[in-house]
N, C-alpha and C. Protein backbone atom coordinates (compact mmCIF):
# COMPACT_ATOMS: atom_id res chain seq x y z
N UNK A 1 0.92 -1.34 -0.09
CA UNK A 1 -0.15 -0.24 -0.02
C UNK A 1 1.06 1.31 -0.04
N UNK A 2 0.71 2.09 -0.73
CA UNK A 2 1.76 3.53 -1.01
C UNK A 2 1.09 4.16 0.65
N UNK A 3 2.57 4.93 0.96
CA UNK A 3 2.16 5.79 1.91
C UNK A 3 1.61 6.99 1.45
N UNK A 4 1.05 7.87 2.48
CA UNK A 4 0.44 8.77 2.32
C UNK A 4 1.37 9.91 2.45
N UNK A 5 1.40 11.02 1.93
CA UNK A 5 2.01 12.32 1.96
C UNK A 5 2.73 12.49 3.25
N UNK A 6 1.90 12.41 3.94
CA UNK A 6 2.04 12.73 5.47
C UNK A 6 3.01 11.78 5.98
N UNK A 7 2.45 10.31 6.00
CA UNK A 7 2.89 9.14 6.26
C UNK A 7 4.57 9.38 6.16
N UNK A 8 4.88 9.45 4.89
CA UNK A 8 6.20 9.41 4.10
C UNK A 8 7.06 10.65 4.56
N UNK A 9 6.36 11.87 4.72
CA UNK A 9 7.16 12.92 5.49
C UNK A 9 7.39 12.50 7.00
N UNK A 10 6.74 11.71 7.58
CA UNK A 10 7.08 11.51 9.14
C UNK A 10 7.69 10.04 8.95
N UNK A 11 7.61 9.72 7.97
CA UNK A 11 8.96 8.37 8.08
C UNK A 11 10.46 9.08 7.68
N UNK A 12 10.86 9.56 6.71
CA UNK A 12 11.72 10.66 6.39
C UNK A 12 12.41 11.36 7.58
N UNK A 13 11.53 12.05 8.80
CA UNK A 13 12.13 12.70 9.41
C UNK A 13 13.31 11.76 10.39
N UNK A 14 13.34 10.51 10.51
CA UNK A 14 14.06 9.64 10.97
C UNK A 14 14.78 8.70 9.91
N UNK A 15 14.71 9.45 8.70
CA UNK A 15 15.65 8.73 7.80
C UNK A 15 16.57 9.68 7.46
N UNK A 16 17.49 9.80 8.13
CA UNK A 16 18.78 10.94 7.40
C UNK A 16 19.09 10.95 6.11
N UNK A 17 19.23 11.94 5.35
CA UNK A 17 19.92 12.46 4.10
C UNK A 17 18.86 11.56 2.70
N UNK A 18 17.64 11.24 3.31
CA UNK A 18 16.91 10.55 2.36
C UNK A 18 15.40 11.55 1.86
N UNK A 19 15.40 11.89 0.41
CA UNK A 19 14.89 12.72 -0.18
C UNK A 19 13.78 11.97 -1.29
N UNK A 20 12.46 12.40 -1.48
CA UNK A 20 11.46 12.27 -1.88
C UNK A 20 11.91 12.91 -3.84
N UNK A 21 12.17 12.22 -4.57
CA UNK A 21 12.23 12.47 -5.64
C UNK A 21 10.99 11.72 -6.77
N UNK A 22 9.74 12.41 -6.74
CA UNK A 22 8.82 11.77 -7.81
C UNK A 22 8.47 10.13 -6.85
N UNK A 23 8.22 9.21 -7.36
CA UNK A 23 7.87 8.51 -6.87
C UNK A 23 8.75 7.51 -6.61
N UNK A 24 9.89 8.01 -6.05
CA UNK A 24 11.03 7.40 -5.14
C UNK A 24 11.70 8.15 -4.04
N UNK A 25 12.31 7.78 -3.12
CA UNK A 25 13.32 8.25 -2.13
C UNK A 25 14.38 8.01 -2.63
N UNK A 26 15.33 8.91 -2.43
CA UNK A 26 16.76 8.81 -2.71
C UNK A 26 17.51 9.48 -2.06
N UNK A 27 19.00 9.00 -2.01
CA UNK A 27 20.06 9.04 -0.82
C UNK A 27 21.38 9.01 -1.83
N UNK A 28 22.23 10.16 -1.72
CA UNK A 28 23.62 10.31 -2.11
C UNK A 28 24.78 9.73 -1.22
N UNK A 29 25.24 9.12 -1.23
CA UNK A 29 26.15 8.67 -0.01
C UNK A 29 27.67 9.08 -0.95
N UNK A 30 28.93 10.03 -0.31
CA UNK A 30 29.73 10.02 -0.69
C UNK A 30 30.59 9.12 -0.06
N UNK A 31 32.00 8.50 -0.71
CA UNK A 31 32.83 7.53 0.16
C UNK A 31 33.98 8.01 -0.44
N UNK A 32 35.33 7.69 0.35
CA UNK A 32 36.80 8.20 -0.04
C UNK A 32 37.04 7.36 -1.75
N UNK A 33 37.02 6.47 -1.97
CA UNK A 33 37.52 5.91 -3.31
C UNK A 33 36.28 4.73 -3.49
N UNK A 34 36.80 4.15 -5.12
CA UNK A 34 35.80 3.31 -5.46
C UNK A 34 35.83 2.11 -4.81
N UNK A 35 36.77 1.57 -3.97
CA UNK A 35 36.70 0.41 -3.44
C UNK A 35 35.95 0.18 -2.27
N UNK A 36 35.50 1.43 -1.64
CA UNK A 36 34.49 1.90 -0.58
C UNK A 36 33.01 1.73 -0.97
N UNK A 37 32.82 2.70 -2.49
CA UNK A 37 31.48 2.67 -2.96
C UNK A 37 31.35 1.16 -3.44
N UNK A 38 32.01 0.19 -3.81
CA UNK A 38 31.78 -0.94 -4.29
C UNK A 38 31.32 -1.74 -2.94
N UNK A 39 32.46 -1.37 -1.77
CA UNK A 39 31.78 -2.45 -0.97
C UNK A 39 30.58 -2.13 -0.12
N UNK A 40 29.75 -0.82 -0.07
CA UNK A 40 28.83 -0.09 0.10
C UNK A 40 27.50 -0.49 -0.58
N UNK A 41 27.87 -0.94 -2.13
CA UNK A 41 27.21 -1.72 -2.88
C UNK A 41 27.03 -3.23 -2.73
N UNK A 42 27.92 -3.87 -2.34
CA UNK A 42 27.70 -5.03 -2.49
C UNK A 42 26.64 -5.15 -0.93
N UNK A 43 27.25 -4.62 -0.08
CA UNK A 43 26.37 -4.46 1.20
C UNK A 43 25.09 -4.97 0.88
N UNK A 44 24.80 -3.30 0.20
CA UNK A 44 23.14 -3.02 0.20
C UNK A 44 22.62 -4.47 -0.90
N UNK A 45 23.56 -5.01 -1.58
CA UNK A 45 22.97 -5.92 -2.28
C UNK A 45 22.79 -7.23 -1.71
N UNK A 46 23.41 -7.44 -0.52
CA UNK A 46 23.07 -8.69 0.39
C UNK A 46 21.67 -8.23 1.00
N UNK A 47 21.55 -6.96 1.83
CA UNK A 47 20.55 -7.22 2.45
C UNK A 47 18.87 -6.70 1.56
N UNK A 48 19.53 -6.10 0.23
CA UNK A 48 18.22 -6.42 -0.94
C UNK A 48 18.04 -7.51 -1.20
N UNK A 49 18.73 -8.51 -1.42
CA UNK A 49 18.60 -9.65 -1.27
C UNK A 49 17.78 -10.63 -0.29
N UNK A 50 18.16 -10.38 0.71
CA UNK A 50 17.69 -10.93 2.19
C UNK A 50 15.77 -10.16 2.51
N UNK A 51 15.88 -8.96 2.05
CA UNK A 51 14.63 -8.15 2.08
C UNK A 51 13.75 -8.67 0.89
N UNK A 52 14.37 -9.09 -0.08
CA UNK A 52 13.76 -9.34 -1.22
C UNK A 52 12.90 -8.09 -1.78
N UNK A 53 13.82 -6.84 -1.67
CA UNK A 53 13.42 -5.66 -1.96
C UNK A 53 14.75 -5.14 -2.63
N UNK A 54 14.93 -4.39 -3.93
CA UNK A 54 15.88 -4.10 -4.41
C UNK A 54 16.01 -2.80 -4.95
N UNK A 55 16.82 -2.02 -4.73
CA UNK A 55 17.25 -0.71 -5.06
C UNK A 55 17.76 -0.28 -6.46
N UNK A 56 17.72 0.63 -7.07
CA UNK A 56 18.43 1.04 -8.32
C UNK A 56 19.85 1.93 -7.40
N UNK A 57 20.88 1.50 -8.17
CA UNK A 57 21.93 1.94 -7.18
C UNK A 57 22.98 2.59 -8.52
N UNK A 58 23.46 3.58 -8.47
CA UNK A 58 24.48 4.38 -9.35
C UNK A 58 25.56 4.62 -9.01
N UNK A 59 26.48 4.57 -9.16
CA UNK A 59 27.74 4.28 -8.91
C UNK A 59 28.88 5.22 -9.60
N UNK A 60 29.81 5.88 -8.87
CA UNK A 60 30.58 6.45 -9.64
C UNK A 60 31.95 6.67 -8.49
N UNK A 61 32.78 7.25 -9.09
CA UNK A 61 34.35 6.79 -8.10
C UNK A 61 34.17 7.31 -6.82
N UNK A 62 33.53 7.70 -6.20
CA UNK A 62 33.55 8.54 -4.86
C UNK A 62 32.04 8.27 -4.35
N UNK A 63 30.93 8.02 -5.38
CA UNK A 63 29.48 8.13 -4.83
C UNK A 63 28.55 7.21 -5.12
N UNK A 64 27.77 7.05 -4.23
CA UNK A 64 26.78 6.06 -4.74
C UNK A 64 25.18 6.59 -4.36
N UNK A 65 24.42 6.61 -5.45
CA UNK A 65 22.94 7.26 -4.96
C UNK A 65 22.14 5.99 -5.25
N UNK A 66 21.23 5.84 -4.03
CA UNK A 66 20.45 4.56 -3.72
C UNK A 66 18.71 5.23 -4.33
N UNK A 67 18.35 4.85 -4.98
CA UNK A 67 16.64 4.88 -5.24
C UNK A 67 15.77 3.84 -4.71
N UNK A 68 14.87 4.17 -4.20
CA UNK A 68 13.82 3.10 -3.88
C UNK A 68 12.59 3.82 -4.30
N UNK A 69 11.78 2.71 -4.63
CA UNK A 69 10.28 2.54 -4.65
C UNK A 69 9.95 1.06 -5.08
N UNK A 70 8.31 1.12 -4.98
CA UNK A 70 8.04 -0.58 -5.32
C UNK A 70 7.01 -0.22 -6.54
N UNK A 71 8.01 -0.70 -7.33
CA UNK A 71 7.42 -1.04 -8.18
C UNK A 71 6.24 -1.58 -8.68
N UNK A 72 5.84 -2.54 -7.98
CA UNK A 72 4.38 -3.26 -8.17
C UNK A 72 3.04 -2.18 -7.52
N UNK A 73 3.58 -1.45 -6.70
CA UNK A 73 2.56 -0.65 -6.23
C UNK A 73 2.81 0.94 -6.82
N UNK A 74 3.34 1.03 -7.75
CA UNK A 74 3.57 2.33 -8.29
C UNK A 74 4.02 3.80 -7.66
N UNK A 75 4.53 3.42 -6.47
CA UNK A 75 5.31 4.28 -5.56
C UNK A 75 5.79 3.86 -4.63
N UNK A 76 5.89 5.12 -3.31
CA UNK A 76 6.69 4.59 -2.52
C UNK A 76 5.82 3.98 -1.02
N UNK A 77 6.59 2.71 -0.68
CA UNK A 77 5.79 2.24 0.30
C UNK A 77 6.45 1.82 1.72
N UNK A 78 5.89 1.07 2.82
CA UNK A 78 6.69 0.96 4.19
C UNK A 78 8.12 0.17 3.60
N UNK A 79 8.07 -0.60 2.52
CA UNK A 79 8.99 -1.38 2.19
C UNK A 79 10.16 -0.82 1.71
N UNK A 80 10.22 0.21 1.12
CA UNK A 80 10.97 1.55 0.80
C UNK A 80 11.66 2.04 1.80
N UNK A 81 10.80 2.43 2.81
CA UNK A 81 11.73 3.10 4.31
C UNK A 81 12.06 2.40 5.17
N UNK A 82 11.82 1.35 5.17
CA UNK A 82 12.21 -0.11 5.87
C UNK A 82 13.53 -0.15 5.19
N UNK A 83 13.75 -0.37 3.72
CA UNK A 83 15.32 -0.64 3.55
C UNK A 83 15.88 0.51 3.42
N UNK A 84 15.48 1.76 3.53
CA UNK A 84 16.43 2.93 3.82
C UNK A 84 17.04 2.93 5.00
N UNK A 85 15.89 2.57 5.91
CA UNK A 85 16.44 2.58 7.29
C UNK A 85 17.78 1.57 7.32
N UNK A 86 17.58 0.12 6.74
CA UNK A 86 18.71 -0.68 6.70
C UNK A 86 20.02 -0.12 6.00
N UNK A 87 19.75 0.39 4.95
CA UNK A 87 21.00 1.06 4.66
C UNK A 87 21.71 2.11 5.46
N UNK A 88 20.96 2.94 6.25
CA UNK A 88 21.24 4.00 7.10
C UNK A 88 21.70 3.08 8.10
N UNK A 89 21.48 1.83 8.58
CA UNK A 89 22.34 1.16 9.48
C UNK A 89 23.94 0.74 9.10
N UNK A 90 23.83 0.67 8.05
CA UNK A 90 25.21 0.37 7.26
C UNK A 90 26.06 0.94 7.48
N UNK A 91 25.81 2.32 7.45
CA UNK A 91 26.37 3.53 7.55
C UNK A 91 26.77 3.84 8.70
């Protein structure tokens, strides 16, 4: 079930660094170098597999951008905010 605007804004208060971008929530994470970016991407992939909810990841030399949406629901759900919380715990 899609989150209402109010529910989403309330949940984002507790999710440092996550922003709404259309039907997704996104976070850009800056790392020191490529190996750190890849290590984080691998850690995110592990929790995504365990949760059966897969983000879009955009990698560059010192940054990783994470984008979450629930495609079959057509927008942002509790699955996305739960995954965002797990990703924040990695940091």
